[in-house]
Structure formats: structure tokens, C-alpha cells
Amino acid sequence: MIGSRFHRLLDRIDAGLEAGRLEAVLPDGTVRILGGRGPGPVCEVHLVRWRALLRLALSGSAGWYQAWAAGEWTSPDPVPLFELFMVNARALGDVARPRGPGRWVGRAVHWARRNSHRGSRKNIAYHYDLGNDFYRLWLDKNMHYSSALFRDPADRIESLERAQQRKVDAILDRLNLQDGARLLEIGCGWGGLAEQAMDRCAIDYDGLTLSVEQAEYARDRLGSGANILLTDYRDASGRYDAIASVEMVEAVGQRYWPTYLAAIKRLLKPGGRAAIQYILIDDAIFDRYARGADFIQTYIFPGGMLISESRFRALAEQQGLEWHDVHYFGLHYAETLKRWRERFDRAVDQGLLPVSFDQHFVALWRYYLMYCEGGFRGGTINVAQVTLVKTV
């Protein structure tokens, strides 16, 4: 009886796999092929216990991670599995989304982590204040924690450092900075963009962050030539010729998108330009995504929310911010994540991680990097740069 219920769930997954193929080794040792009707990712999963499917049905991607952490399923390579689910996200519908009590609990927890002033500080500290020594082990030497822009993401010859410099150059090119300009960065990270911008021309730079660790690192790195502020974007003041914000808006939350865009309008001079790099999710599945809390929101980025581009653009244009020159480069993020995981694994193998990070933490972060890589390879999640111009 129990097995038949799980086979019905497998039937639903099979029906939703329009592209790609999944070979599932079931707990009784039998093999079932799901999908296989069209080209796409090919992957293998060993279901050690049926409980893994129960977790998936009740808690979606968060439950699927819990099952992996408990050893209830394994795979020789989870990345194509995550890619498979993202390629077929529309057709799968709610199959891998939380439902019933799992959905309501997830939504309640996510709501409690909303990005109020106090909540934002807690949420940023949860992720970014893990320590500069930790991030230094696996990011590029300039400490960029966002997608690089490769000459060709399939060509592994180019270094991650060079690709990250190209990404920053692309952002700065959008801003048309001149000597004497005032530049604000909302979410300044560890100061990589600031350093590159100040190498280009003589500017006045202000950087905002809520991470104590990032602020200390950026101040030491940039010295007196930059002003690093532990300030919420909602509390920023002044008038700027240009604003840069690289993968910060995902930490804002849908409720605060209008506030974020209003702040950009308020802080820009007339005719000023903002360059935004953002992570978006397919509009066709945004509503389902926004109804619950997924693995990333539950375990990695509390309060986080990917962008619905159509909604976000409409809000920007309502503020009088013209939307120009979008460039998408999702496969570049997949390659960035792969490089990060390789560096992370080397650091683990060499025993370089701080002793406070146990095996559970290591497994969680390895899973996170694989999960995100598969998501970008699947195409339902993408990354883009856009220029916003204040018209009045």
C-alpha cells in the first residue's frame, strides 16, 4: 500500500519530465526509468528509503535536501538531477513544491525572516558573517561573490579572476563614470567593485553593507579613498551620479522591491544611471515559487527572494526609471558555481576550513553549490545585468 502511493508520485514526476531522463533505483532494488521522451539532462538517483519521496512531497526542495542529508537518497552527480528538475519546472508544476502543513510552516518561517530593518541585519549576518577567512578560501582573489562573466563559459582556460574582472567592467561600462563622479554601491561586498572603479577614474565612492565582516575587510582594503557604511539602503542619503548593485536585490524580498527602487530614484541625480545585476526566476513559475520557502530560503539565504523580472521592471518604470540593455548570462553563473565548488572541495580536502565548520556544514554548502549550478544549467533561473536611467 505504501509503495503504491510512492509509485503514484513517481508517475506524476514521470509525466512532468518532458525533457531528459532519470534512472531511479528504488529501495527494493528495482530500476524505474522516468522521462526519456525528449533530449535533456540524464541523471541517476538511488532511493535508499521511500521516506525521501515523502519529504519531497511535503516540503519540496527543502525536504529533498533533508532526505539527502539523512542518507535517504544518493546520486553519483546531483547537478544534472537539479538541472533536470529546473528544465522541466513548468511541466512538473507543484510536484516538487511544499504542500499542506509543510507549505504553511515554510511560509510562516519565511515571513518571520522578512527584511525589515532588524530582519535584514539578522539575515545578512546569518550568511555573510560566517567569516572572511571562510570566503577567502574559495572565492577569487578579489572576493567577488556573484556571477562572473567569462569569454566563453564552456572554455575552462580563462581564470575565474579574469572573468570576475570582466563582470565588473561590464557593470562600470553601464555607468559612464567620469572624474569627479559620485558612485554609490548598494551591497558593496568585500570592496572588489569599488577598487576597480577607483582604478578607472577619480571618483567619490560610498559603499553600503549590513555585514560587519565585509565592512571591516573593505575598509582595510580600500583605505581612506572609500567610505564604507554599515547602513541599510533605506536609510542612505545624498545624491549620486551613479549607483551599482550586484546581486543584492535578491536579499530585499518582494515586499520591499518598491522601497528598493524608490531609494534608487531618490539617491540618483536627474539623468543618473544605475547598473543592477540580479538573479531572476521564470515568470511562469514565480507564483508557485513565492508561495512557499525553498531549500535556499530555508537553509542558505533567509529572507531571500529571486526576481520576477516582469514585476520588477514594471515597478522600476512606475518610479520613472527607464529599463535599458538587459544582458542574460545564466550559463556563466553555472560555471562560476562549478569553480567555487572545486575551490571549496580543495579547501576541505586540505583541512583549511575553520574548525568551527563541521561535516554537516561542509555537506550543506557543497549541496548548495551543486543545487545552484544545476538551477542555472536548467535555464529556469537566470542572471542578468540591466541599466536603469532616472528620467526626471
Protein backbone atom coordinates (compact mmCIF):
# COMPACT_ATOMS: atom_id res chain seq x y z
CA MET A 1 0.00 0.00 0.00
CA ILE A 2 2.74 2.49 0.99
CA GLY A 3 4.84 1.56 -2.03
CA SER A 4 1.89 2.10 -4.37
CA ARG A 5 1.42 5.64 -3.08
CA PHE A 6 5.04 6.45 -3.80
CA HIS A 7 4.77 4.90 -7.25
CA ARG A 8 1.88 7.29 -7.92
CA LEU A 9 4.20 10.19 -7.02
CA LEU A 10 6.80 8.74 -9.37
CA ASP A 11 4.08 8.60 -12.04
CA ARG A 12 3.48 12.32 -11.58
CA ILE A 13 7.19 13.07 -11.84
CA ASP A 14 7.44 10.91 -14.94
CA ALA A 15 4.53 12.75 -16.57
CA GLY A 16 6.24 16.08 -15.93
CA LEU A 17 9.61 15.13 -17.40
CA GLU A 18 9.17 16.39 -20.95
CA ALA A 19 12.94 16.66 -21.47
CA GLY A 20 15.72 14.48 -20.12
CA ARG A 21 15.81 11.13 -18.37
CA LEU A 22 16.01 9.94 -14.77
CA GLU A 23 17.08 6.43 -13.80
CA ALA A 24 15.72 5.72 -10.32
CA VAL A 25 16.98 2.76 -8.31
CA LEU A 26 14.18 2.08 -5.84
CA PRO A 27 14.53 0.86 -2.23
CA ASP A 28 13.70 -2.72 -3.25
CA GLY A 29 16.50 -2.69 -5.86
CA THR A 30 14.29 -2.39 -8.91
CA VAL A 31 15.03 0.26 -11.52
CA ARG A 32 12.49 2.64 -12.96
CA ILE A 33 13.12 4.98 -15.89
CA LEU A 34 11.35 8.35 -15.70
CA GLY A 35 11.09 10.66 -18.69
CA GLY A 36 13.18 9.78 -21.70
CA ARG A 37 10.78 11.35 -24.18
CA GLY A 38 13.00 14.22 -25.28
CA PRO A 39 16.62 15.38 -25.16
CA GLY A 40 17.86 16.85 -21.90
CA PRO A 41 19.85 16.08 -18.76
CA VAL A 42 20.45 12.41 -17.94
CA CYS A 43 20.87 11.51 -14.29
CA GLU A 44 20.70 8.72 -11.74
CA VAL A 45 19.20 8.58 -8.25
CA HIS A 46 19.35 5.81 -5.68
CA LEU A 47 16.33 5.95 -3.38
CA VAL A 48 17.60 4.33 -0.20
CA ARG A 49 14.32 4.86 1.65
CA TRP A 50 10.82 5.73 0.47
CA ARG A 51 10.83 8.44 3.13
CA ALA A 52 12.84 10.61 0.72
CA LEU A 53 9.81 10.92 -1.55
CA LEU A 54 7.58 11.69 1.43
CA ARG A 55 9.86 14.58 2.37
CA LEU A 56 9.83 15.80 -1.23
CA ALA A 57 6.03 15.66 -1.38
CA LEU A 58 5.53 17.53 1.91
CA SER A 59 8.40 20.02 1.96
CA GLY A 60 9.59 20.37 -1.64
CA SER A 61 13.24 21.16 -2.24
CA ALA A 62 13.88 21.76 1.48
CA GLY A 63 12.59 18.27 2.20
CA TRP A 64 14.64 16.81 -0.64
CA TYR A 65 17.76 18.29 0.97
CA GLN A 66 16.74 16.88 4.36
CA ALA A 67 16.43 13.44 2.75
CA TRP A 68 19.88 13.76 1.16
CA ALA A 69 21.42 14.85 4.47
CA ALA A 70 19.78 11.85 6.15
CA GLY A 71 21.20 9.46 3.53
CA GLU A 72 17.75 8.61 2.17
CA TRP A 73 18.84 9.21 -1.43
CA THR A 74 22.18 9.42 -3.21
CA SER A 75 23.40 10.21 -6.70
CA PRO A 76 26.73 9.86 -8.48
CA ASP A 77 26.27 13.52 -9.54
CA PRO A 78 23.35 15.58 -8.20
CA VAL A 79 23.98 18.55 -10.54
CA PRO A 80 22.21 17.06 -13.60
CA LEU A 81 19.37 15.95 -11.31
CA PHE A 82 18.80 19.56 -10.21
CA GLU A 83 19.16 20.64 -13.82
CA LEU A 84 16.54 18.08 -14.87
CA PHE A 85 14.00 19.40 -12.38
CA MET A 86 14.61 23.00 -13.46
CA VAL A 87 14.41 22.22 -17.18
CA ASN A 88 11.00 20.68 -16.52
CA ALA A 89 9.83 23.11 -13.82
CA ARG A 90 6.80 24.31 -15.76
CA ALA A 91 5.55 20.84 -16.63
CA LEU A 92 6.22 19.44 -13.15
CA GLY A 93 4.02 22.11 -11.58
CA ASP A 94 3.67 21.59 -7.83
CA VAL A 95 5.18 18.09 -7.77
CA ALA A 96 8.35 19.30 -6.02
CA ARG A 97 6.75 22.21 -4.16
CA PRO A 98 5.79 22.05 -0.47
CA ARG A 99 2.16 21.41 0.29
CA GLY A 100 -0.17 21.15 3.27
CA PRO A 101 1.44 21.78 6.67
CA GLY A 102 4.90 21.85 5.08
CA ARG A 103 3.96 24.83 2.93
CA TRP A 104 2.37 26.75 5.81
CA VAL A 105 5.27 26.12 8.16
CA GLY A 106 7.73 27.23 5.47
CA ARG A 107 5.75 30.38 4.74
CA ALA A 108 5.50 31.22 8.44
CA VAL A 109 9.25 30.83 8.91
CA HIS A 110 9.94 32.87 5.77
CA TRP A 111 7.57 35.61 6.95
CA ALA A 112 9.34 35.72 10.32
CA ARG A 113 12.60 36.33 8.41
CA ARG A 114 11.20 39.21 6.34
CA ASN A 115 13.59 42.01 5.53
CA SER A 116 12.55 44.73 7.92
CA HIS A 117 15.42 46.86 9.17
CA ARG A 118 16.09 44.47 12.03
CA GLY A 119 15.37 41.37 9.97
CA SER A 120 17.76 42.42 7.19
CA ARG A 121 20.66 42.77 9.63
CA LYS A 122 19.97 39.33 11.07
CA ASN A 123 19.56 37.72 7.65
CA ILE A 124 22.75 39.24 6.24
CA ALA A 125 24.74 38.28 9.33
CA TYR A 126 23.45 34.70 9.07
CA HIS A 127 25.10 34.27 5.68
CA TYR A 128 27.84 36.86 5.17
CA ASP A 129 29.28 36.97 8.67
CA LEU A 130 30.42 33.36 8.52
CA GLY A 131 33.86 34.95 8.36
CA ASN A 132 36.19 36.47 5.81
CA ASP A 133 38.62 33.60 6.32
CA PHE A 134 35.92 31.18 5.13
CA TYR A 135 35.03 33.07 1.94
CA ARG A 136 38.67 33.80 1.16
CA LEU A 137 39.29 30.05 0.77
CA TRP A 138 37.12 29.58 -2.31
CA LEU A 139 36.21 32.93 -3.88
CA ASP A 140 38.54 34.55 -6.40
CA LYS A 141 41.39 36.64 -5.06
CA ASN A 142 39.31 39.83 -5.41
CA MET A 143 36.48 38.35 -3.31
CA HIS A 144 33.56 38.58 -5.72
CA TYR A 145 30.52 36.58 -4.54
CA SER A 146 28.38 36.91 -7.67
CA SER A 147 28.39 35.53 -11.19
CA ALA A 148 31.49 36.02 -13.28
CA LEU A 149 31.30 36.87 -16.98
CA PHE A 150 33.51 34.50 -18.98
CA ARG A 151 34.70 34.96 -22.52
CA ASP A 152 33.14 31.52 -23.06
CA PRO A 153 31.67 29.58 -20.11
CA ALA A 154 32.48 26.29 -21.84
CA ASP A 155 36.18 27.19 -22.11
CA ARG A 156 37.86 26.36 -18.82
CA ILE A 157 41.17 28.02 -19.70
CA GLU A 158 40.19 31.51 -18.59
CA SER A 159 40.73 32.17 -14.88
CA LEU A 160 37.89 32.97 -12.51
CA GLU A 161 39.73 36.16 -11.55
CA ARG A 162 39.75 37.45 -15.13
CA ALA A 163 36.09 36.56 -15.63
CA GLN A 164 35.13 38.41 -12.45
CA GLN A 165 37.05 41.48 -13.61
CA ARG A 166 35.12 41.34 -16.90
CA LYS A 167 31.84 41.23 -14.98
CA VAL A 168 32.77 44.36 -13.01
CA ASP A 169 33.95 46.09 -16.18
CA ALA A 170 30.55 45.39 -17.73
CA ILE A 171 28.80 46.98 -14.74
CA LEU A 172 31.06 50.01 -14.74
CA ASP A 173 30.72 50.47 -18.51
CA ARG A 174 26.98 50.94 -17.96
CA LEU A 175 27.59 53.84 -15.56
CA ASN A 176 29.73 56.08 -17.79
CA LEU A 177 31.79 57.21 -14.81
CA GLN A 178 33.91 60.36 -15.18
CA ASP A 179 36.43 62.02 -12.88
CA GLY A 180 34.62 63.72 -10.00
CA ALA A 181 31.55 61.49 -10.18
CA ARG A 182 29.83 60.23 -7.03
CA LEU A 183 29.22 56.46 -7.02
CA LEU A 184 27.07 54.59 -4.51
CA GLU A 185 27.19 50.80 -4.29
CA ILE A 186 24.22 49.15 -2.59
CA GLY A 187 25.67 45.93 -1.24
CA CYS A 188 29.39 46.59 -1.57
CA GLY A 189 30.59 43.13 -0.55
CA TRP A 190 34.30 42.98 0.17
CA GLY A 191 35.16 46.02 -1.97
CA GLY A 192 36.08 44.43 -5.30
CA LEU A 193 33.92 46.67 -7.48
CA ALA A 194 34.98 49.77 -5.55
CA GLU A 195 38.65 49.00 -6.10
CA GLN A 196 38.16 48.50 -9.83
CA ALA A 197 36.02 51.63 -10.15
CA MET A 198 38.55 53.81 -8.34
CA ASP A 199 41.31 52.44 -10.57
CA ARG A 200 39.34 53.69 -13.59
CA CYS A 201 38.90 57.31 -12.56
CA ALA A 202 38.94 59.73 -9.64
CA ILE A 203 35.52 59.26 -8.04
CA ASP A 204 33.88 59.71 -4.66
CA TYR A 205 32.75 56.26 -3.57
CA ASP A 206 30.25 55.25 -0.87
CA GLY A 207 29.54 51.57 -0.23
CA LEU A 208 26.66 50.17 1.82
CA THR A 209 26.66 46.83 3.60
CA LEU A 210 24.98 45.28 6.64
CA SER A 211 27.76 42.74 7.16
CA VAL A 212 30.23 43.67 9.89
CA GLU A 213 32.79 41.24 8.46
CA GLN A 214 32.51 42.67 4.94
CA ALA A 215 32.75 46.25 6.19
CA GLU A 216 35.95 45.55 8.11
CA TYR A 217 37.53 43.82 5.13
CA ALA A 218 36.50 46.53 2.64
CA ARG A 219 37.77 49.34 4.88
CA ASP A 220 41.14 47.67 5.29
CA ARG A 221 41.33 47.02 1.57
CA LEU A 222 40.28 50.42 0.29
CA GLY A 223 41.67 52.73 2.95
CA SER A 224 40.62 56.35 3.17
CA GLY A 225 39.76 56.54 -0.53
CA ALA A 226 36.35 54.98 0.04
CA ASN A 227 33.54 55.44 2.54
CA ILE A 228 32.15 52.08 3.75
CA LEU A 229 28.93 52.42 5.71
CA LEU A 230 27.07 49.87 7.82
CA THR A 231 23.82 51.35 6.56
CA ASP A 232 20.55 49.97 5.24
CA TYR A 233 19.75 51.18 1.71
CA ARG A 234 16.51 52.60 3.09
CA ASP A 235 18.49 54.94 5.34
CA ALA A 236 21.02 56.13 2.76
CA SER A 237 21.17 59.83 1.93
CA GLY A 238 22.88 62.03 -0.63
CA ARG A 239 22.76 62.44 -4.39
CA TYR A 240 24.79 60.31 -6.76
CA ASP A 241 25.69 60.32 -10.42
CA ALA A 242 25.65 56.52 -10.48
CA ILE A 243 24.56 53.51 -8.42
CA ALA A 244 25.83 49.94 -8.70
CA SER A 245 24.10 46.98 -7.05
CA VAL A 246 25.37 43.49 -7.82
CA GLU A 247 23.15 40.60 -6.69
CA MET A 248 21.93 42.48 -3.66
CA VAL A 249 18.29 42.81 -4.68
CA GLU A 250 17.73 39.07 -4.03
CA ALA A 251 18.16 39.90 -0.33
CA VAL A 252 15.45 42.58 -0.46
CA GLY A 253 12.31 40.45 -0.73
CA GLN A 254 9.28 41.02 -2.94
CA ARG A 255 7.51 43.11 -0.31
CA TYR A 256 10.36 45.64 -0.40
CA TRP A 257 11.01 45.85 -4.16
CA PRO A 258 9.11 49.18 -4.40
CA THR A 259 11.14 50.55 -1.46
CA TYR A 260 14.43 49.48 -3.04
CA LEU A 261 13.56 51.08 -6.39
CA ALA A 262 12.27 54.23 -4.70
CA ALA A 263 15.60 54.51 -2.89
CA ILE A 264 17.48 54.26 -6.19
CA LYS A 265 15.31 57.01 -7.67
CA ARG A 266 15.73 59.20 -4.57
CA LEU A 267 19.51 58.79 -4.45
CA LEU A 268 20.19 59.33 -8.17
CA LYS A 269 20.63 62.75 -9.69
CA PRO A 270 18.37 63.54 -12.68
CA GLY A 271 19.82 61.68 -15.65
CA GLY A 272 21.79 59.40 -13.31
CA ARG A 273 22.31 55.72 -14.10
CA ALA A 274 22.06 52.57 -12.01
CA ALA A 275 23.59 49.25 -13.06
CA ILE A 276 21.91 46.25 -11.44
CA GLN A 277 22.97 42.60 -11.60
CA TYR A 278 20.10 40.38 -10.48
CA ILE A 279 19.01 36.74 -10.36
CA LEU A 280 15.61 36.03 -11.87
CA ILE A 281 13.28 33.08 -11.98
CA ASP A 282 10.95 32.24 -14.87
CA ASP A 283 7.78 34.33 -14.53
CA ALA A 284 5.72 31.24 -15.38
CA ILE A 285 6.67 29.58 -12.09
CA PHE A 286 7.20 32.66 -9.89
CA ASP A 287 3.83 32.47 -8.15
CA ARG A 288 4.36 28.82 -7.18
CA TYR A 289 7.90 29.63 -6.03
CA ALA A 290 6.72 32.60 -3.94
CA ARG A 291 4.02 30.62 -2.14
CA GLY A 292 6.48 28.61 -0.04
CA ALA A 293 10.05 28.54 1.20
CA ASP A 294 12.53 26.53 -0.85
CA PHE A 295 15.87 24.98 0.12
CA ILE A 296 17.82 28.22 -0.42
CA GLN A 297 15.43 30.34 1.64
CA THR A 298 15.28 27.74 4.41
CA TYR A 299 18.95 26.91 4.82
CA ILE A 300 21.16 29.42 3.00
CA PHE A 301 19.64 32.90 2.43
CA PRO A 302 16.91 33.62 4.99
CA GLY A 303 14.59 36.30 3.66
CA GLY A 304 15.83 35.84 0.11
CA MET A 305 13.64 36.06 -2.99
CA LEU A 306 14.56 35.72 -6.67
CA ILE A 307 13.24 38.34 -9.05
CA SER A 308 10.17 38.17 -11.22
CA GLU A 309 11.58 40.33 -13.99
CA SER A 310 8.23 41.46 -15.37
CA ARG A 311 7.00 42.58 -11.95
CA PHE A 312 10.31 44.20 -11.02
CA ARG A 313 10.58 46.05 -14.33
CA ALA A 314 7.03 47.37 -14.03
CA LEU A 315 7.82 48.73 -10.56
CA ALA A 316 11.03 50.37 -11.85
CA GLU A 317 9.20 52.07 -14.70
CA GLN A 318 6.49 53.28 -12.30
CA GLN A 319 9.29 55.07 -10.43
CA GLY A 320 10.42 56.79 -13.62
CA LEU A 321 13.46 54.54 -14.06
CA GLU A 322 13.93 53.57 -17.71
CA TRP A 323 14.93 49.95 -18.30
CA HIS A 324 17.79 49.53 -20.81
CA ASP A 325 20.15 46.95 -22.31
CA VAL A 326 19.40 43.71 -20.46
CA HIS A 327 22.07 41.05 -20.81
CA TYR A 328 21.45 37.46 -19.65
CA PHE A 329 24.31 35.06 -18.85
CA GLY A 330 22.97 32.16 -16.79
CA LEU A 331 25.45 29.56 -18.02
CA HIS A 332 28.25 31.83 -16.82
CA TYR A 333 26.80 31.52 -13.32
CA ALA A 334 26.71 27.74 -13.63
CA GLU A 335 30.42 27.78 -14.48
CA THR A 336 31.15 30.22 -11.64
CA LEU A 337 29.43 27.89 -9.18
CA LYS A 338 31.36 24.92 -10.50
CA ARG A 339 34.64 26.80 -9.98
CA TRP A 340 33.60 27.79 -6.47
CA ARG A 341 32.75 24.17 -5.61
CA GLU A 342 36.08 22.94 -6.90
CA ARG A 343 37.89 25.51 -4.75
CA PHE A 344 35.67 24.72 -1.78
CA ASP A 345 36.37 20.99 -2.10
CA ARG A 346 40.13 21.62 -2.31
CA ALA A 347 39.99 23.70 0.85
CA VAL A 348 38.06 20.93 2.62
CA ASP A 349 40.45 18.21 1.40
CA GLN A 350 43.43 20.25 2.60
CA GLY A 351 41.86 20.79 6.02
CA LEU A 352 41.80 24.58 5.61
CA LEU A 353 38.27 25.31 6.80
CA PRO A 354 37.98 26.84 10.27
CA VAL A 355 37.46 24.15 12.88
CA SER A 356 34.04 25.59 13.78
CA PHE A 357 32.63 24.32 10.48
CA ASP A 358 31.71 20.67 10.97
CA GLN A 359 30.92 17.99 8.41
CA HIS A 360 27.23 18.89 8.43
CA PHE A 361 28.12 22.45 7.41
CA VAL A 362 30.51 21.22 4.72
CA ALA A 363 27.85 18.90 3.28
CA LEU A 364 25.22 21.65 3.34
CA TRP A 365 27.43 24.08 1.42
CA ARG A 366 28.54 21.50 -1.12
CA TYR A 367 24.86 20.68 -1.73
CA TYR A 368 24.05 24.41 -2.03
CA LEU A 369 26.72 24.95 -4.69
CA MET A 370 25.56 21.88 -6.66
CA TYR A 371 21.90 22.86 -6.33
CA CYS A 372 22.51 26.36 -7.67
CA GLU A 373 24.72 25.14 -10.51
CA GLY A 374 22.01 22.75 -11.64
CA GLY A 375 19.42 25.51 -11.41
CA PHE A 376 21.32 27.81 -13.75
CA ARG A 377 22.10 24.98 -16.17
CA GLY A 378 18.38 24.24 -16.27
CA GLY A 379 17.63 27.76 -17.52
CA THR A 380 14.59 28.44 -15.34
CA ILE A 381 16.86 30.56 -13.16
CA ASN A 382 19.00 33.18 -14.87
CA VAL A 383 21.26 36.11 -14.08
CA ALA A 384 21.21 39.45 -15.87
CA GLN A 385 22.56 42.98 -15.89
CA VAL A 386 20.37 45.99 -16.66
CA THR A 387 20.82 49.76 -16.76
CA LEU A 388 18.22 51.96 -15.08
CA VAL A 389 18.16 55.65 -16.06
CA LYS A 390 16.42 58.27 -13.97
CA THR A 391 14.47 60.37 -16.43
CA VAL A 392 13.26 63.13 -14.11
